[in-house]
Amino acid sequence: MKDSGVVARIGALVAGFGEGLTRPERKFLSDLVFGILCAQSSLLSEIARAIAPERQVKAVWKRLDINLGKYDLRRPYERAQGAMLRKVKENYLFIFDPSEVVKPYGKKMEGLRYVRDASEKPRLVKDEKTGKFKEVPVLRPGYPLRVAIAMSPSGDILPLELSLYSTGSEDFRSANEEYIHALEDLVHKTRHSPTLVLDREFD
């Protein structure tokens, strides 16, 4: 059952970030935000179970699935990101730690390529040249993720970036270019020079 106070706060949040969206777009955004918070998951099936009565779960899942490919939510995403960036100060740490989202059953998804599955322990494979065993990551279909947060001196966390890309897209050049472009954009928007903390994957 939806808590009226939570629904009201989400409504205010969506109203702020969803300015200029149509009513169906705002409804879709509200369902996503509420469903993700309740389900603690970004899976549409879990979101549908969190926001719909049991007898309507399948219908709500279908509606969300159709709307996910129909509506462009970049504007509210950028507004939400902008609100976080305005809170960043010069003494904050800018932490950039790329990850992956694995879609082992998404064989027909656009631009799907193999990525590391961090939930699985690396396999031990014998190197034919040296005769020694080395760890090799488990690869599954999926997408790389750009992940960035800002952390205050007191340890408060601000989410800044969570977006995926495809190494199979026509405009893909390199992972470094994907990371650096996102970093430069975020740092530019803060109008500061925060201390950067980069994952070891960076050159």
N, C-alpha and C. Protein backbone atom coordinates (compact mmCIF):
# COMPACT_ATOMS: atom_id res chain seq x y z
N MET A 1 0.84 -1.20 0.00
CA MET A 1 0.00 0.00 0.00
C MET A 1 0.88 1.25 0.00
N LYS A 2 0.54 2.22 -0.80
CA LYS A 2 1.34 3.42 -0.90
C LYS A 2 1.12 4.32 0.30
N ASP A 3 2.23 4.82 0.87
CA ASP A 3 2.18 5.77 1.96
C ASP A 3 1.90 7.15 1.37
N SER A 4 0.86 7.83 1.86
CA SER A 4 0.44 9.11 1.26
C SER A 4 1.53 10.16 1.37
N GLY A 5 2.28 10.15 2.50
CA GLY A 5 3.35 11.12 2.67
C GLY A 5 4.48 10.91 1.67
N VAL A 6 4.84 9.63 1.45
CA VAL A 6 5.89 9.30 0.49
C VAL A 6 5.45 9.67 -0.91
N VAL A 7 4.19 9.35 -1.24
CA VAL A 7 3.66 9.67 -2.56
C VAL A 7 3.69 11.18 -2.80
N ALA A 8 3.35 11.96 -1.76
CA ALA A 8 3.35 13.42 -1.88
C ALA A 8 4.75 13.95 -2.14
N ARG A 9 5.76 13.39 -1.43
CA ARG A 9 7.15 13.84 -1.61
C ARG A 9 7.66 13.47 -3.00
N ILE A 10 7.30 12.28 -3.46
CA ILE A 10 7.71 11.88 -4.80
C ILE A 10 7.04 12.76 -5.84
N GLY A 11 5.77 13.10 -5.59
CA GLY A 11 5.06 13.99 -6.51
C GLY A 11 5.73 15.33 -6.62
N ALA A 12 6.19 15.87 -5.48
CA ALA A 12 6.90 17.16 -5.48
C ALA A 12 8.23 17.04 -6.21
N LEU A 13 8.92 15.92 -6.00
CA LEU A 13 10.19 15.68 -6.66
C LEU A 13 10.03 15.62 -8.17
N VAL A 14 9.04 14.85 -8.61
CA VAL A 14 8.78 14.71 -10.04
C VAL A 14 8.35 16.03 -10.65
N ALA A 15 7.56 16.82 -9.90
CA ALA A 15 7.11 18.11 -10.40
C ALA A 15 8.30 19.04 -10.66
N GLY A 16 9.31 18.95 -9.78
CA GLY A 16 10.48 19.81 -9.95
C GLY A 16 11.36 19.37 -11.11
N PHE A 17 11.61 18.07 -11.20
CA PHE A 17 12.50 17.57 -12.25
C PHE A 17 11.76 17.35 -13.57
N GLY A 18 10.44 17.20 -13.49
CA GLY A 18 9.68 16.87 -14.69
C GLY A 18 8.99 18.04 -15.35
N GLU A 19 9.48 19.25 -15.06
CA GLU A 19 8.89 20.44 -15.67
C GLU A 19 8.97 20.34 -17.20
N GLY A 20 7.85 20.59 -17.85
CA GLY A 20 7.82 20.53 -19.30
C GLY A 20 7.42 19.17 -19.85
N LEU A 21 7.31 18.16 -18.98
CA LEU A 21 6.87 16.84 -19.43
C LEU A 21 5.35 16.81 -19.54
N THR A 22 4.84 15.93 -20.38
CA THR A 22 3.40 15.75 -20.49
C THR A 22 2.90 14.99 -19.26
N ARG A 23 1.59 14.95 -19.08
CA ARG A 23 1.02 14.24 -17.93
C ARG A 23 1.38 12.75 -17.96
N PRO A 24 1.27 12.07 -19.12
CA PRO A 24 1.68 10.64 -19.15
C PRO A 24 3.16 10.46 -18.81
N GLU A 25 4.01 11.38 -19.26
CA GLU A 25 5.44 11.29 -18.95
C GLU A 25 5.68 11.46 -17.46
N ARG A 26 4.99 12.40 -16.83
CA ARG A 26 5.14 12.61 -15.39
C ARG A 26 4.64 11.40 -14.62
N LYS A 27 3.53 10.81 -15.07
CA LYS A 27 3.00 9.61 -14.44
C LYS A 27 4.01 8.47 -14.54
N PHE A 28 4.61 8.31 -15.70
CA PHE A 28 5.60 7.27 -15.92
C PHE A 28 6.82 7.49 -15.01
N LEU A 29 7.30 8.72 -14.95
CA LEU A 29 8.45 9.05 -14.10
C LEU A 29 8.14 8.80 -12.63
N SER A 30 6.93 9.19 -12.21
CA SER A 30 6.51 8.98 -10.83
C SER A 30 6.45 7.50 -10.49
N ASP A 31 5.90 6.69 -11.39
CA ASP A 31 5.83 5.24 -11.17
C ASP A 31 7.22 4.64 -11.06
N LEU A 32 8.14 5.10 -11.90
CA LEU A 32 9.50 4.57 -11.87
C LEU A 32 10.19 4.91 -10.55
N VAL A 33 10.10 6.18 -10.15
CA VAL A 33 10.77 6.61 -8.92
C VAL A 33 10.20 5.89 -7.72
N PHE A 34 8.86 5.87 -7.61
CA PHE A 34 8.22 5.21 -6.47
C PHE A 34 8.52 3.71 -6.48
N GLY A 35 8.43 3.09 -7.66
CA GLY A 35 8.67 1.65 -7.77
C GLY A 35 10.09 1.26 -7.41
N ILE A 36 11.06 2.04 -7.87
CA ILE A 36 12.47 1.74 -7.57
C ILE A 36 12.74 1.89 -6.08
N LEU A 37 12.17 2.94 -5.45
CA LEU A 37 12.37 3.13 -4.02
C LEU A 37 11.74 2.01 -3.21
N CYS A 38 10.55 1.57 -3.62
CA CYS A 38 9.86 0.52 -2.88
C CYS A 38 10.47 -0.85 -3.11
N ALA A 39 10.81 -1.13 -4.36
CA ALA A 39 11.33 -2.45 -4.71
C ALA A 39 12.82 -2.58 -4.45
N GLN A 40 13.52 -1.44 -4.31
CA GLN A 40 14.98 -1.46 -4.19
C GLN A 40 15.60 -2.20 -5.37
N SER A 41 14.99 -2.01 -6.54
CA SER A 41 15.43 -2.69 -7.74
C SER A 41 15.05 -1.84 -8.95
N SER A 42 15.82 -1.97 -10.03
CA SER A 42 15.49 -1.27 -11.27
C SER A 42 14.86 -2.21 -12.29
N LEU A 43 14.58 -3.44 -11.90
CA LEU A 43 13.91 -4.38 -12.81
C LEU A 43 12.44 -4.00 -12.95
N LEU A 44 11.95 -3.91 -14.19
CA LEU A 44 10.56 -3.52 -14.40
C LEU A 44 9.58 -4.47 -13.73
N SER A 45 9.91 -5.76 -13.72
CA SER A 45 9.01 -6.73 -13.08
C SER A 45 8.87 -6.45 -11.59
N GLU A 46 9.99 -6.09 -10.94
CA GLU A 46 9.96 -5.78 -9.50
C GLU A 46 9.26 -4.45 -9.25
N ILE A 47 9.49 -3.48 -10.13
CA ILE A 47 8.82 -2.18 -10.00
C ILE A 47 7.31 -2.36 -10.12
N ALA A 48 6.88 -3.16 -11.10
CA ALA A 48 5.45 -3.39 -11.30
C ALA A 48 4.83 -4.05 -10.07
N ARG A 49 5.52 -5.01 -9.48
CA ARG A 49 5.00 -5.67 -8.27
C ARG A 49 4.90 -4.69 -7.10
N ALA A 50 5.80 -3.70 -7.08
CA ALA A 50 5.80 -2.76 -5.96
C ALA A 50 4.69 -1.73 -6.06
N ILE A 51 4.21 -1.42 -7.27
CA ILE A 51 3.25 -0.32 -7.41
C ILE A 51 1.85 -0.78 -7.81
N ALA A 52 1.69 -2.07 -8.13
CA ALA A 52 0.41 -2.53 -8.66
C ALA A 52 -0.17 -3.66 -7.80
N PRO A 53 -1.52 -3.73 -7.70
CA PRO A 53 -2.14 -4.88 -7.08
C PRO A 53 -1.76 -6.16 -7.83
N GLU A 54 -1.80 -7.28 -7.16
CA GLU A 54 -1.33 -8.54 -7.75
C GLU A 54 -1.99 -8.85 -9.09
N ARG A 55 -3.29 -8.60 -9.19
CA ARG A 55 -4.01 -8.93 -10.42
C ARG A 55 -3.67 -8.01 -11.58
N GLN A 56 -3.00 -6.87 -11.30
CA GLN A 56 -2.68 -5.90 -12.36
C GLN A 56 -1.19 -5.84 -12.69
N VAL A 57 -0.39 -6.67 -12.04
CA VAL A 57 1.06 -6.59 -12.21
C VAL A 57 1.48 -6.75 -13.67
N LYS A 58 0.91 -7.73 -14.36
CA LYS A 58 1.30 -7.98 -15.75
C LYS A 58 0.96 -6.80 -16.64
N ALA A 59 -0.23 -6.22 -16.45
CA ALA A 59 -0.65 -5.09 -17.26
C ALA A 59 0.24 -3.87 -17.00
N VAL A 60 0.57 -3.62 -15.73
CA VAL A 60 1.43 -2.49 -15.39
C VAL A 60 2.84 -2.71 -15.94
N TRP A 61 3.33 -3.94 -15.86
CA TRP A 61 4.65 -4.25 -16.42
C TRP A 61 4.69 -3.96 -17.92
N LYS A 62 3.64 -4.34 -18.63
CA LYS A 62 3.58 -4.09 -20.08
C LYS A 62 3.55 -2.59 -20.36
N ARG A 63 2.78 -1.84 -19.56
CA ARG A 63 2.70 -0.39 -19.76
C ARG A 63 4.06 0.27 -19.53
N LEU A 64 4.75 -0.12 -18.47
CA LEU A 64 6.06 0.44 -18.18
C LEU A 64 7.06 0.07 -19.28
N ASP A 65 6.97 -1.16 -19.76
CA ASP A 65 7.89 -1.62 -20.80
C ASP A 65 7.71 -0.82 -22.08
N ILE A 66 6.46 -0.58 -22.46
CA ILE A 66 6.18 0.21 -23.67
C ILE A 66 6.65 1.65 -23.51
N ASN A 67 6.35 2.24 -22.34
CA ASN A 67 6.71 3.63 -22.11
C ASN A 67 8.22 3.84 -21.98
N LEU A 68 8.92 2.81 -21.52
CA LEU A 68 10.36 2.93 -21.37
C LEU A 68 11.04 3.19 -22.71
N GLY A 69 10.48 2.61 -23.76
CA GLY A 69 11.04 2.84 -25.09
C GLY A 69 10.40 4.00 -25.82
N LYS A 70 9.41 4.62 -25.18
CA LYS A 70 8.65 5.69 -25.84
C LYS A 70 9.07 7.08 -25.38
N TYR A 71 9.29 7.22 -24.07
CA TYR A 71 9.54 8.54 -23.51
C TYR A 71 11.05 8.80 -23.32
N ASP A 72 11.46 10.02 -23.57
CA ASP A 72 12.83 10.45 -23.38
C ASP A 72 12.91 11.21 -22.05
N LEU A 73 13.57 10.62 -21.07
CA LEU A 73 13.63 11.21 -19.74
C LEU A 73 14.97 11.90 -19.47
N ARG A 74 15.66 12.30 -20.54
CA ARG A 74 16.95 12.97 -20.35
C ARG A 74 16.79 14.31 -19.64
N ARG A 75 15.71 15.03 -19.92
CA ARG A 75 15.53 16.34 -19.28
C ARG A 75 15.42 16.24 -17.77
N PRO A 76 14.54 15.39 -17.22
CA PRO A 76 14.50 15.27 -15.76
C PRO A 76 15.80 14.71 -15.19
N TYR A 77 16.48 13.83 -15.95
CA TYR A 77 17.76 13.29 -15.49
C TYR A 77 18.77 14.43 -15.34
N GLU A 78 18.85 15.29 -16.34
CA GLU A 78 19.80 16.40 -16.30
C GLU A 78 19.45 17.40 -15.21
N ARG A 79 18.15 17.62 -14.96
CA ARG A 79 17.74 18.52 -13.88
C ARG A 79 18.14 17.94 -12.52
N ALA A 80 17.90 16.63 -12.35
CA ALA A 80 18.27 15.98 -11.09
C ALA A 80 19.78 16.02 -10.89
N GLN A 81 20.52 15.77 -11.98
CA GLN A 81 21.98 15.83 -11.91
C GLN A 81 22.45 17.23 -11.58
N GLY A 82 21.82 18.23 -12.19
CA GLY A 82 22.19 19.62 -11.92
C GLY A 82 21.98 20.00 -10.47
N ALA A 83 20.89 19.49 -9.87
CA ALA A 83 20.62 19.78 -8.46
C ALA A 83 21.72 19.22 -7.56
N MET A 84 22.23 18.03 -7.91
CA MET A 84 23.32 17.43 -7.13
C MET A 84 24.62 18.21 -7.34
N LEU A 85 24.90 18.58 -8.58
CA LEU A 85 26.16 19.27 -8.88
C LEU A 85 26.24 20.64 -8.20
N ARG A 86 25.10 21.28 -8.01
CA ARG A 86 25.11 22.59 -7.34
C ARG A 86 25.52 22.48 -5.88
N LYS A 87 25.46 21.29 -5.33
CA LYS A 87 25.84 21.08 -3.92
C LYS A 87 27.32 20.76 -3.76
N VAL A 88 28.00 20.47 -4.88
CA VAL A 88 29.41 20.08 -4.83
C VAL A 88 30.28 21.29 -4.54
N LYS A 89 31.20 21.17 -3.57
CA LYS A 89 32.12 22.24 -3.23
C LYS A 89 33.56 21.81 -3.58
N GLU A 90 34.47 22.76 -3.51
CA GLU A 90 35.84 22.50 -3.94
C GLU A 90 36.53 21.43 -3.12
N ASN A 91 36.13 21.23 -1.85
CA ASN A 91 36.79 20.25 -1.00
C ASN A 91 36.15 18.86 -1.09
N TYR A 92 35.25 18.67 -2.07
CA TYR A 92 34.64 17.36 -2.25
C TYR A 92 35.55 16.47 -3.09
N LEU A 93 35.44 15.17 -2.87
CA LEU A 93 36.10 14.19 -3.73
C LEU A 93 35.16 13.81 -4.86
N PHE A 94 35.69 13.74 -6.06
CA PHE A 94 34.95 13.31 -7.24
C PHE A 94 35.37 11.88 -7.54
N ILE A 95 34.53 10.91 -7.25
CA ILE A 95 34.90 9.50 -7.38
C ILE A 95 34.25 8.91 -8.62
N PHE A 96 35.07 8.38 -9.50
CA PHE A 96 34.58 7.81 -10.76
C PHE A 96 35.00 6.34 -10.80
N ASP A 97 34.03 5.45 -10.73
CA ASP A 97 34.31 4.02 -10.65
C ASP A 97 33.41 3.26 -11.63
N PRO A 98 33.84 3.11 -12.88
CA PRO A 98 33.01 2.43 -13.89
C PRO A 98 32.64 1.02 -13.46
N SER A 99 31.49 0.58 -13.93
CA SER A 99 31.02 -0.76 -13.60
C SER A 99 30.37 -1.37 -14.84
N GLU A 100 29.59 -2.42 -14.64
CA GLU A 100 28.90 -3.08 -15.74
C GLU A 100 27.51 -3.51 -15.28
N VAL A 101 26.59 -3.58 -16.21
CA VAL A 101 25.29 -4.20 -15.95
C VAL A 101 25.20 -5.41 -16.87
N VAL A 102 24.95 -6.56 -16.27
CA VAL A 102 24.94 -7.82 -17.02
C VAL A 102 23.51 -8.18 -17.42
N LYS A 103 23.31 -8.51 -18.69
CA LYS A 103 22.00 -8.89 -19.22
C LYS A 103 22.14 -10.27 -19.90
N PRO A 104 22.29 -11.32 -19.11
CA PRO A 104 22.57 -12.65 -19.69
C PRO A 104 21.46 -13.20 -20.57
N TYR A 105 20.22 -12.70 -20.36
CA TYR A 105 19.10 -13.22 -21.16
C TYR A 105 18.62 -12.22 -22.21
N GLY A 106 19.30 -11.10 -22.34
CA GLY A 106 18.87 -10.06 -23.27
C GLY A 106 19.51 -10.20 -24.64
N LYS A 107 19.33 -11.34 -25.28
CA LYS A 107 20.04 -11.63 -26.52
C LYS A 107 19.68 -10.68 -27.66
N LYS A 108 18.50 -10.08 -27.63
CA LYS A 108 18.08 -9.21 -28.73
C LYS A 108 18.20 -7.73 -28.40
N MET A 109 18.82 -7.41 -27.26
CA MET A 109 18.94 -6.02 -26.87
C MET A 109 19.96 -5.31 -27.75
N GLU A 110 19.69 -4.04 -28.05
CA GLU A 110 20.52 -3.27 -28.97
C GLU A 110 21.93 -3.06 -28.44
N GLY A 111 22.92 -3.29 -29.29
CA GLY A 111 24.31 -3.01 -28.94
C GLY A 111 24.87 -3.88 -27.83
N LEU A 112 24.30 -5.05 -27.60
CA LEU A 112 24.74 -5.92 -26.51
C LEU A 112 26.13 -6.49 -26.82
N ARG A 113 27.03 -6.39 -25.85
CA ARG A 113 28.38 -6.94 -26.00
C ARG A 113 28.79 -7.61 -24.69
N TYR A 114 29.88 -8.36 -24.73
CA TYR A 114 30.33 -9.04 -23.52
C TYR A 114 31.04 -8.07 -22.57
N VAL A 115 30.68 -8.17 -21.28
CA VAL A 115 31.32 -7.37 -20.24
C VAL A 115 31.64 -8.28 -19.07
N ARG A 116 32.45 -7.79 -18.18
CA ARG A 116 32.84 -8.56 -16.99
C ARG A 116 31.65 -8.70 -16.04
N ASP A 117 31.46 -9.91 -15.53
CA ASP A 117 30.42 -10.16 -14.53
C ASP A 117 31.09 -10.16 -13.16
N ALA A 118 31.01 -9.03 -12.46
CA ALA A 118 31.70 -8.87 -11.18
C ALA A 118 31.07 -9.73 -10.08
N SER A 119 29.87 -10.25 -10.31
CA SER A 119 29.24 -11.10 -9.29
C SER A 119 29.83 -12.51 -9.28
N GLU A 120 30.59 -12.84 -10.30
CA GLU A 120 31.22 -14.16 -10.40
C GLU A 120 32.72 -14.06 -10.13
N LYS A 121 33.24 -15.05 -9.42
CA LYS A 121 34.68 -15.08 -9.17
C LYS A 121 35.42 -15.38 -10.48
N PRO A 122 36.57 -14.73 -10.70
CA PRO A 122 37.35 -15.01 -11.91
C PRO A 122 37.72 -16.49 -12.00
N ARG A 123 37.82 -16.98 -13.24
CA ARG A 123 38.22 -18.36 -13.47
C ARG A 123 39.74 -18.46 -13.52
N LEU A 124 40.26 -19.60 -13.08
CA LEU A 124 41.69 -19.86 -13.18
C LEU A 124 41.96 -20.58 -14.50
N VAL A 125 42.77 -19.95 -15.34
CA VAL A 125 43.08 -20.51 -16.65
C VAL A 125 44.60 -20.65 -16.78
N LYS A 126 45.03 -21.77 -17.31
CA LYS A 126 46.46 -22.01 -17.47
C LYS A 126 47.00 -21.29 -18.70
N ASP A 127 48.06 -20.52 -18.49
CA ASP A 127 48.71 -19.82 -19.59
C ASP A 127 49.61 -20.80 -20.33
N GLU A 128 49.34 -21.02 -21.61
CA GLU A 128 50.11 -22.00 -22.38
C GLU A 128 51.58 -21.63 -22.51
N LYS A 129 51.88 -20.34 -22.53
CA LYS A 129 53.26 -19.90 -22.70
C LYS A 129 54.08 -20.08 -21.42
N THR A 130 53.52 -19.69 -20.29
CA THR A 130 54.27 -19.73 -19.03
C THR A 130 54.00 -20.99 -18.22
N GLY A 131 52.87 -21.64 -18.49
CA GLY A 131 52.50 -22.82 -17.72
C GLY A 131 51.90 -22.48 -16.37
N LYS A 132 51.74 -21.20 -16.10
CA LYS A 132 51.17 -20.77 -14.82
C LYS A 132 49.69 -20.46 -14.98
N PHE A 133 48.98 -20.53 -13.86
CA PHE A 133 47.55 -20.22 -13.87
C PHE A 133 47.35 -18.72 -13.61
N LYS A 134 46.39 -18.17 -14.30
CA LYS A 134 46.06 -16.76 -14.09
C LYS A 134 44.55 -16.60 -14.00
N GLU A 135 44.13 -15.52 -13.35
CA GLU A 135 42.70 -15.26 -13.18
C GLU A 135 42.15 -14.56 -14.43
N VAL A 136 41.03 -15.08 -14.93
CA VAL A 136 40.37 -14.50 -16.09
C VAL A 136 38.93 -14.17 -15.70
N PRO A 137 38.49 -12.92 -15.91
CA PRO A 137 37.12 -12.56 -15.50
C PRO A 137 36.07 -13.32 -16.31
N VAL A 138 34.94 -13.57 -15.67
CA VAL A 138 33.80 -14.20 -16.34
C VAL A 138 33.09 -13.13 -17.18
N LEU A 139 32.87 -13.41 -18.45
CA LEU A 139 32.22 -12.46 -19.34
C LEU A 139 30.80 -12.90 -19.66
N ARG A 140 29.88 -11.92 -19.65
CA ARG A 140 28.49 -12.18 -20.00
C ARG A 140 27.97 -11.00 -20.83
N PRO A 141 26.90 -11.19 -21.59
CA PRO A 141 26.33 -10.07 -22.35
C PRO A 141 25.89 -8.94 -21.41
N GLY A 142 26.14 -7.71 -21.82
CA GLY A 142 25.74 -6.58 -20.98
C GLY A 142 26.26 -5.26 -21.53
N TYR A 143 26.30 -4.27 -20.65
CA TYR A 143 26.74 -2.93 -21.04
C TYR A 143 27.67 -2.36 -19.96
N PRO A 144 28.70 -1.58 -20.36
CA PRO A 144 29.50 -0.85 -19.37
C PRO A 144 28.68 0.30 -18.79
N LEU A 145 28.99 0.67 -17.55
CA LEU A 145 28.29 1.75 -16.86
C LEU A 145 29.26 2.86 -16.48
N ARG A 146 28.84 4.10 -16.70
CA ARG A 146 29.57 5.24 -16.16
C ARG A 146 28.97 5.55 -14.79
N VAL A 147 29.79 5.50 -13.76
CA VAL A 147 29.32 5.73 -12.39
C VAL A 147 30.19 6.79 -11.74
N ALA A 148 29.57 7.87 -11.25
CA ALA A 148 30.32 8.93 -10.59
C ALA A 148 29.53 9.44 -9.37
N ILE A 149 30.26 9.67 -8.29
CA ILE A 149 29.65 10.25 -7.09
C ILE A 149 30.58 11.35 -6.58
N ALA A 150 30.03 12.22 -5.75
CA ALA A 150 30.84 13.21 -5.05
C ALA A 150 30.70 12.93 -3.55
N MET A 151 31.81 13.06 -2.83
CA MET A 151 31.78 12.80 -1.39
C MET A 151 32.33 13.99 -0.63
N SER A 152 31.57 14.46 0.36
CA SER A 152 31.98 15.61 1.16
C SER A 152 33.02 15.17 2.19
N PRO A 153 33.73 16.11 2.82
CA PRO A 153 34.70 15.75 3.86
C PRO A 153 34.08 14.98 5.02
N SER A 154 32.79 15.17 5.25
CA SER A 154 32.11 14.45 6.34
C SER A 154 31.59 13.09 5.92
N GLY A 155 31.74 12.76 4.62
CA GLY A 155 31.33 11.43 4.14
C GLY A 155 29.97 11.40 3.48
N ASP A 156 29.31 12.55 3.33
CA ASP A 156 28.02 12.59 2.63
C ASP A 156 28.23 12.29 1.15
N ILE A 157 27.33 11.48 0.58
CA ILE A 157 27.46 11.04 -0.80
C ILE A 157 26.42 11.73 -1.68
N LEU A 158 26.85 12.23 -2.82
CA LEU A 158 25.95 12.80 -3.82
C LEU A 158 26.07 11.99 -5.11
N PRO A 159 25.00 11.33 -5.56
CA PRO A 159 25.06 10.62 -6.84
C PRO A 159 25.07 11.61 -7.99
N LEU A 160 25.98 11.43 -8.94
CA LEU A 160 26.13 12.39 -10.04
C LEU A 160 25.86 11.78 -11.41
N GLU A 161 26.30 10.56 -11.61
CA GLU A 161 26.20 9.96 -12.95
C GLU A 161 25.96 8.47 -12.83
N LEU A 162 24.98 7.99 -13.57
CA LEU A 162 24.74 6.55 -13.69
C LEU A 162 24.11 6.34 -15.06
N SER A 163 24.95 5.99 -16.02
CA SER A 163 24.46 5.84 -17.38
C SER A 163 25.28 4.76 -18.08
N LEU A 164 24.63 4.07 -18.98
CA LEU A 164 25.32 3.00 -19.70
C LEU A 164 25.62 3.42 -21.13
N TYR A 165 26.53 2.70 -21.74
CA TYR A 165 26.84 2.90 -23.15
C TYR A 165 27.15 1.53 -23.75
N SER A 166 27.31 1.50 -25.04
CA SER A 166 27.58 0.24 -25.72
C SER A 166 28.88 0.32 -26.50
N THR A 167 29.74 -0.66 -26.31
CA THR A 167 30.97 -0.71 -27.10
C THR A 167 30.67 -1.13 -28.53
N GLY A 168 29.43 -1.52 -28.79
CA GLY A 168 29.04 -1.92 -30.14
C GLY A 168 28.37 -0.82 -30.93
N SER A 169 28.21 0.37 -30.32
CA SER A 169 27.55 1.47 -31.03
C SER A 169 28.49 2.05 -32.09
N GLU A 170 27.90 2.67 -33.11
CA GLU A 170 28.69 3.19 -34.22
C GLU A 170 29.64 4.32 -33.80
N ASP A 171 29.24 5.10 -32.80
CA ASP A 171 30.07 6.25 -32.40
C ASP A 171 31.03 5.92 -31.26
N PHE A 172 31.10 4.65 -30.85
CA PHE A 172 32.02 4.26 -29.78
C PHE A 172 33.47 4.27 -30.29
N ARG A 173 34.36 4.90 -29.52
CA ARG A 173 35.78 4.93 -29.89
C ARG A 173 36.63 4.17 -28.88
N SER A 174 36.47 4.51 -27.61
CA SER A 174 37.22 3.80 -26.57
C SER A 174 36.54 4.03 -25.23
N ALA A 175 36.81 3.12 -24.28
CA ALA A 175 36.25 3.27 -22.94
C ALA A 175 36.79 4.54 -22.29
N ASN A 176 38.08 4.82 -22.48
CA ASN A 176 38.67 6.03 -21.90
C ASN A 176 37.95 7.28 -22.37
N GLU A 177 37.62 7.34 -23.65
CA GLU A 177 36.93 8.52 -24.18
C GLU A 177 35.54 8.65 -23.55
N GLU A 178 34.86 7.52 -23.35
CA GLU A 178 33.54 7.55 -22.69
C GLU A 178 33.69 8.11 -21.28
N TYR A 179 34.70 7.66 -20.55
CA TYR A 179 34.89 8.10 -19.17
C TYR A 179 35.32 9.56 -19.09
N ILE A 180 36.32 9.92 -19.90
CA ILE A 180 36.88 11.27 -19.82
C ILE A 180 35.86 12.32 -20.23
N HIS A 181 35.08 12.02 -21.27
CA HIS A 181 34.06 12.98 -21.71
C HIS A 181 33.06 13.24 -20.58
N ALA A 182 32.61 12.17 -19.92
CA ALA A 182 31.66 12.33 -18.82
C ALA A 182 32.29 13.10 -17.66
N LEU A 183 33.54 12.78 -17.34
CA LEU A 183 34.23 13.48 -16.26
C LEU A 183 34.38 14.97 -16.54
N GLU A 184 34.85 15.30 -17.73
CA GLU A 184 35.04 16.70 -18.09
C GLU A 184 33.73 17.47 -18.02
N ASP A 185 32.65 16.82 -18.47
CA ASP A 185 31.34 17.47 -18.45
C ASP A 185 30.89 17.75 -17.02
N LEU A 186 31.05 16.75 -16.15
CA LEU A 186 30.63 16.92 -14.75
C LEU A 186 31.47 17.97 -14.03
N VAL A 187 32.79 17.90 -14.20
CA VAL A 187 33.66 18.86 -13.53
C VAL A 187 33.37 20.28 -14.03
N HIS A 188 33.15 20.44 -15.33
CA HIS A 188 32.83 21.75 -15.90
C HIS A 188 31.56 22.32 -15.27
N LYS A 189 30.58 21.47 -15.04
CA LYS A 189 29.30 21.94 -14.50
C LYS A 189 29.41 22.35 -13.03
N THR A 190 30.41 21.85 -12.31
CA THR A 190 30.56 22.24 -10.90
C THR A 190 31.18 23.62 -10.75
N ARG A 191 31.92 24.06 -11.80
CA ARG A 191 32.65 25.34 -11.77
C ARG A 191 33.74 25.33 -10.71
N HIS A 192 34.16 24.12 -10.30
CA HIS A 192 35.25 23.98 -9.33
C HIS A 192 36.31 23.06 -9.93
N SER A 193 37.29 22.75 -9.10
CA SER A 193 38.30 21.76 -9.48
C SER A 193 38.39 20.73 -8.35
N PRO A 194 37.38 19.89 -8.21
CA PRO A 194 37.40 18.91 -7.12
C PRO A 194 38.50 17.88 -7.32
N THR A 195 38.91 17.25 -6.22
CA THR A 195 39.92 16.20 -6.28
C THR A 195 39.31 14.96 -6.93
N LEU A 196 39.99 14.43 -7.95
CA LEU A 196 39.48 13.28 -8.69
C LEU A 196 40.04 11.99 -8.10
N VAL A 197 39.16 11.02 -7.90
CA VAL A 197 39.56 9.67 -7.48
C VAL A 197 39.11 8.73 -8.59
N LEU A 198 40.09 8.13 -9.30
CA LEU A 198 39.79 7.34 -10.48
C LEU A 198 40.11 5.87 -10.26
N ASP A 199 39.27 5.03 -10.83
CA ASP A 199 39.48 3.59 -10.77
C ASP A 199 40.75 3.22 -11.52
N ARG A 200 41.33 2.07 -11.19
CA ARG A 200 42.59 1.65 -11.81
C ARG A 200 42.45 1.36 -13.31
N GLU A 201 41.20 1.27 -13.83
CA GLU A 201 41.01 1.02 -15.24
C GLU A 201 41.46 2.21 -16.10
N PHE A 202 41.59 3.39 -15.49
CA PHE A 202 41.99 4.57 -16.27
C PHE A 202 43.47 4.49 -16.62
N ASP A 203 43.81 5.01 -17.81
CA ASP A 203 45.21 5.10 -18.21
C ASP A 203 45.94 6.13 -17.33
